[in-house]
Structures are given as structure tokens and as C-alpha cells.
Amino acid sequence: MELKSIVPIVQNVGFPITISIYLLVRMEKKIDQLTNSIVVLSKILESK
């Protein structure tokens, strides 16, 4: 693909891609916290 054909595609879908990346980065922290909480909970349940 040539650059001339890629530019309109990026212009048309640039905003949704930007929002998607922003949400993924933001949600990544919450997913990491959730994963850590699940690990701690499973360790507590195993010890009982």
C-alpha cells in the first residue's frame, strides 16, 4: 500500500483507534489490580 492510500484510512479511523488505545491503557491498570486481588484471594482460600 502506498502512503497516499493509507492516510485517508488513518484519518477516518484515527479517532476510534485513539479512543481504543486510551481505554486499553487505562483498563490495563485495573485488570492488573484485579489479577493481583484474585491471586491474593486464592492464596487465602488455599490456606484455610
PDB file of N, CA and C in Angstrom:
ATOM      1  N   MET A   1       0.843  -1.185   0.000  1.00  0.00           N
ATOM      2  CA  MET A   1       0.000   0.000   0.000  1.00  0.00           C
ATOM      3  C   MET A   1       0.883   1.242   0.000  1.00  0.00           C
ATOM      4  N   GLU A   2       0.425   2.205  -0.719  1.00  0.00           N
ATOM      5  CA  GLU A   2       1.151   3.459  -0.769  1.00  0.00           C
ATOM      6  C   GLU A   2       0.698   4.372   0.360  1.00  0.00           C
ATOM      7  N   LEU A   3       1.524   5.321   0.683  1.00  0.00           N
ATOM      8  CA  LEU A   3       1.213   6.270   1.744  1.00  0.00           C
ATOM      9  C   LEU A   3      -0.047   7.060   1.425  1.00  0.00           C
ATOM     10  N   LYS A   4      -0.263   7.352   0.148  1.00  0.00           N
ATOM     11  CA  LYS A   4      -1.447   8.122  -0.254  1.00  0.00           C
ATOM     12  C   LYS A   4      -2.740   7.366   0.047  1.00  0.00           C
ATOM     13  N   SER A   5      -2.700   6.061  -0.005  1.00  0.00           N
ATOM     14  CA  SER A   5      -3.904   5.291   0.280  1.00  0.00           C
ATOM     15  C   SER A   5      -4.068   5.014   1.779  1.00  0.00           C
ATOM     16  N   ILE A   6      -2.990   5.102   2.536  1.00  0.00           N
ATOM     17  CA  ILE A   6      -3.060   4.850   3.978  1.00  0.00           C
ATOM     18  C   ILE A   6      -3.557   6.073   4.744  1.00  0.00           C
ATOM     19  N   VAL A   7      -3.175   7.254   4.306  1.00  0.00           N
ATOM     20  CA  VAL A   7      -3.528   8.483   5.016  1.00  0.00           C
ATOM     21  C   VAL A   7      -5.031   8.655   5.192  1.00  0.00           C
ATOM     22  N   PRO A   8      -5.865   8.489   4.160  1.00  0.00           N
ATOM     23  CA  PRO A   8      -7.311   8.635   4.377  1.00  0.00           C
ATOM     24  C   PRO A   8      -7.876   7.608   5.352  1.00  0.00           C
ATOM     25  N   ILE A   9      -7.322   6.406   5.317  1.00  0.00           N
ATOM     26  CA  ILE A   9      -7.800   5.382   6.243  1.00  0.00           C
ATOM     27  C   ILE A   9      -7.505   5.796   7.674  1.00  0.00           C
ATOM     28  N   VAL A  10      -6.294   6.277   7.921  1.00  0.00           N
ATOM     29  CA  VAL A  10      -5.919   6.714   9.270  1.00  0.00           C
ATOM     30  C   VAL A  10      -6.761   7.913   9.687  1.00  0.00           C
ATOM     31  N   GLN A  11      -7.038   8.810   8.772  1.00  0.00           N
ATOM     32  CA  GLN A  11      -7.862   9.967   9.103  1.00  0.00           C
ATOM     33  C   GLN A  11      -9.282   9.544   9.454  1.00  0.00           C
ATOM     34  N   ASN A  12      -9.800   8.549   8.785  1.00  0.00           N
ATOM     35  CA  ASN A  12     -11.170   8.106   9.030  1.00  0.00           C
ATOM     36  C   ASN A  12     -11.299   7.296  10.308  1.00  0.00           C
ATOM     37  N   VAL A  13     -10.322   6.474  10.604  1.00  0.00           N
ATOM     38  CA  VAL A  13     -10.415   5.608  11.780  1.00  0.00           C
ATOM     39  C   VAL A  13      -9.480   6.031  12.904  1.00  0.00           C
ATOM     40  N   GLY A  14      -8.819   7.147  12.758  1.00  0.00           N
ATOM     41  CA  GLY A  14      -7.863   7.614  13.761  1.00  0.00           C
ATOM     42  C   GLY A  14      -8.484   7.869  15.111  1.00  0.00           C
ATOM     43  N   PHE A  15      -9.640   8.500  15.138  1.00  0.00           N
ATOM     44  CA  PHE A  15     -10.298   8.804  16.410  1.00  0.00           C
ATOM     45  C   PHE A  15     -10.708   7.542  17.153  1.00  0.00           C
ATOM     46  N   PRO A  16     -11.390   6.596  16.507  1.00  0.00           N
ATOM     47  CA  PRO A  16     -11.734   5.355  17.235  1.00  0.00           C
ATOM     48  C   PRO A  16     -10.503   4.587  17.721  1.00  0.00           C
ATOM     49  N   ILE A  17      -9.454   4.580  16.926  1.00  0.00           N
ATOM     50  CA  ILE A  17      -8.230   3.896  17.349  1.00  0.00           C
ATOM     51  C   ILE A  17      -7.636   4.592  18.562  1.00  0.00           C
ATOM     52  N   THR A  18      -7.616   5.913  18.549  1.00  0.00           N
ATOM     53  CA  THR A  18      -7.079   6.670  19.673  1.00  0.00           C
ATOM     54  C   THR A  18      -7.878   6.398  20.937  1.00  0.00           C
ATOM     55  N   ILE A  19      -9.183   6.409  20.838  1.00  0.00           N
ATOM     56  CA  ILE A  19     -10.034   6.130  21.999  1.00  0.00           C
ATOM     57  C   ILE A  19      -9.816   4.698  22.493  1.00  0.00           C
ATOM     58  N   SER A  20      -9.711   3.752  21.572  1.00  0.00           N
ATOM     59  CA  SER A  20      -9.493   2.358  21.951  1.00  0.00           C
ATOM     60  C   SER A  20      -8.175   2.186  22.690  1.00  0.00           C
ATOM     61  N   ILE A  21      -7.122   2.798  22.188  1.00  0.00           N
ATOM     62  CA  ILE A  21      -5.816   2.708  22.846  1.00  0.00           C
ATOM     63  C   ILE A  21      -5.871   3.343  24.221  1.00  0.00           C
ATOM     64  N   TYR A  22      -6.514   4.499  24.324  1.00  0.00           N
ATOM     65  CA  TYR A  22      -6.640   5.175  25.619  1.00  0.00           C
ATOM     66  C   TYR A  22      -7.369   4.287  26.630  1.00  0.00           C
ATOM     67  N   LEU A  23      -8.470   3.693  26.204  1.00  0.00           N
ATOM     68  CA  LEU A  23      -9.239   2.835  27.115  1.00  0.00           C
ATOM     69  C   LEU A  23      -8.470   1.578  27.492  1.00  0.00           C
ATOM     70  N   LEU A  24      -7.738   0.991  26.539  1.00  0.00           N
ATOM     71  CA  LEU A  24      -6.951  -0.203  26.848  1.00  0.00           C
ATOM     72  C   LEU A  24      -5.853   0.104  27.856  1.00  0.00           C
ATOM     73  N   VAL A  25      -5.181   1.225  27.683  1.00  0.00           N
ATOM     74  CA  VAL A  25      -4.120   1.605  28.623  1.00  0.00           C
ATOM     75  C   VAL A  25      -4.713   1.873  29.998  1.00  0.00           C
ATOM     76  N   ARG A  26      -5.836   2.529  30.015  1.00  0.00           N
ATOM     77  CA  ARG A  26      -6.478   2.852  31.287  1.00  0.00           C
ATOM     78  C   ARG A  26      -6.993   1.598  31.986  1.00  0.00           C
ATOM     79  N   MET A  27      -7.568   0.681  31.215  1.00  0.00           N
ATOM     80  CA  MET A  27      -8.113  -0.538  31.795  1.00  0.00           C
ATOM     81  C   MET A  27      -7.019  -1.518  32.208  1.00  0.00           C
ATOM     82  N   GLU A  28      -5.844  -1.402  31.615  1.00  0.00           N
ATOM     83  CA  GLU A  28      -4.752  -2.328  31.931  1.00  0.00           C
ATOM     84  C   GLU A  28      -4.401  -2.269  33.416  1.00  0.00           C
ATOM     85  N   LYS A  29      -4.371  -1.084  33.983  1.00  0.00           N
ATOM     86  CA  LYS A  29      -4.072  -0.931  35.411  1.00  0.00           C
ATOM     87  C   LYS A  29      -5.130  -1.624  36.257  1.00  0.00           C
ATOM     88  N   LYS A  30      -6.369  -1.451  35.885  1.00  0.00           N
ATOM     89  CA  LYS A  30      -7.456  -2.070  36.647  1.00  0.00           C
ATOM     90  C   LYS A  30      -7.431  -3.591  36.515  1.00  0.00           C
ATOM     91  N   ILE A  31      -7.093  -4.083  35.340  1.00  0.00           N
ATOM     92  CA  ILE A  31      -7.002  -5.528  35.139  1.00  0.00           C
ATOM     93  C   ILE A  31      -5.852  -6.095  35.964  1.00  0.00           C
ATOM     94  N   ASP A  32      -4.735  -5.376  36.033  1.00  0.00           N
ATOM     95  CA  ASP A  32      -3.614  -5.827  36.862  1.00  0.00           C
ATOM     96  C   ASP A  32      -4.010  -5.874  38.333  1.00  0.00           C
ATOM     97  N   GLN A  33      -4.737  -4.873  38.798  1.00  0.00           N
ATOM     98  CA  GLN A  33      -5.199  -4.856  40.188  1.00  0.00           C
ATOM     99  C   GLN A  33      -6.158  -6.012  40.445  1.00  0.00           C
ATOM    100  N   LEU A  34      -7.039  -6.264  39.514  1.00  0.00           N
ATOM    101  CA  LEU A  34      -7.985  -7.364  39.655  1.00  0.00           C
ATOM    102  C   LEU A  34      -7.262  -8.711  39.691  1.00  0.00           C
ATOM    103  N   THR A  35      -6.269  -8.869  38.842  1.00  0.00           N
ATOM    104  CA  THR A  35      -5.480 -10.103  38.825  1.00  0.00           C
ATOM    105  C   THR A  35      -4.767 -10.308  40.158  1.00  0.00           C
ATOM    106  N   ASN A  36      -4.173  -9.252  40.680  1.00  0.00           N
ATOM    107  CA  ASN A  36      -3.493  -9.355  41.972  1.00  0.00           C
ATOM    108  C   ASN A  36      -4.477  -9.713  43.080  1.00  0.00           C
ATOM    109  N   SER A  37      -5.647  -9.135  43.057  1.00  0.00           N
ATOM    110  CA  SER A  37      -6.659  -9.437  44.068  1.00  0.00           C
ATOM    111  C   SER A  37      -7.100 -10.898  43.988  1.00  0.00           C
ATOM    112  N   ILE A  38      -7.244 -11.405  42.791  1.00  0.00           N
ATOM    113  CA  ILE A  38      -7.641 -12.804  42.620  1.00  0.00           C
ATOM    114  C   ILE A  38      -6.548 -13.730  43.139  1.00  0.00           C
ATOM    115  N   VAL A  39      -5.297 -13.401  42.885  1.00  0.00           N
ATOM    116  CA  VAL A  39      -4.183 -14.220  43.374  1.00  0.00           C
ATOM    117  C   VAL A  39      -4.172 -14.236  44.897  1.00  0.00           C
ATOM    118  N   VAL A  40      -4.332 -13.063  45.510  1.00  0.00           N
ATOM    119  CA  VAL A  40      -4.351 -12.981  46.970  1.00  0.00           C
ATOM    120  C   VAL A  40      -5.532 -13.766  47.532  1.00  0.00           C
ATOM    121  N   LEU A  41      -6.679 -13.632  46.932  1.00  0.00           N
ATOM    122  CA  LEU A  41      -7.864 -14.346  47.393  1.00  0.00           C
ATOM    123  C   LEU A  41      -7.675 -15.862  47.283  1.00  0.00           C
ATOM    124  N   SER A  42      -7.090 -16.302  46.185  1.00  0.00           N
ATOM    125  CA  SER A  42      -6.891 -17.747  46.036  1.00  0.00           C
ATOM    126  C   SER A  42      -5.878 -18.273  47.056  1.00  0.00           C
ATOM    127  N   LYS A  43      -4.864 -17.496  47.392  1.00  0.00           N
ATOM    128  CA  LYS A  43      -3.909 -17.906  48.426  1.00  0.00           C
ATOM    129  C   LYS A  43      -4.579 -17.993  49.787  1.00  0.00           C
ATOM    130  N   ILE A  44      -5.454 -17.041  50.078  1.00  0.00           N
ATOM    131  CA  ILE A  44      -6.179 -17.055  51.359  1.00  0.00           C
ATOM    132  C   ILE A  44      -7.081 -18.284  51.420  1.00  0.00           C
ATOM    133  N   LEU A  45      -7.763 -18.585  50.335  1.00  0.00           N
ATOM    134  CA  LEU A  45      -8.653 -19.738  50.319  1.00  0.00           C
ATOM    135  C   LEU A  45      -7.878 -21.057  50.432  1.00  0.00           C
ATOM    136  N   GLU A  46      -6.709 -21.117  49.840  1.00  0.00           N
ATOM    137  CA  GLU A  46      -5.883 -22.327  49.919  1.00  0.00           C
ATOM    138  C   GLU A  46      -5.375 -22.555  51.345  1.00  0.00           C
ATOM    139  N   SER A  47      -5.112 -21.483  52.048  1.00  0.00           N
ATOM    140  CA  SER A  47      -4.558 -21.616  53.405  1.00  0.00           C
ATOM    141  C   SER A  47      -5.595 -22.057  54.412  1.00  0.00           C
ATOM    142  N   LYS A  48      -6.854 -21.936  54.080  1.00  0.00           N
ATOM    143  CA  LYS A  48      -7.916 -22.297  55.034  1.00  0.00           C
ATOM    144  C   LYS A  48      -8.365 -23.705  54.867  1.00  0.00           C
TER     145      LYS A  48
END
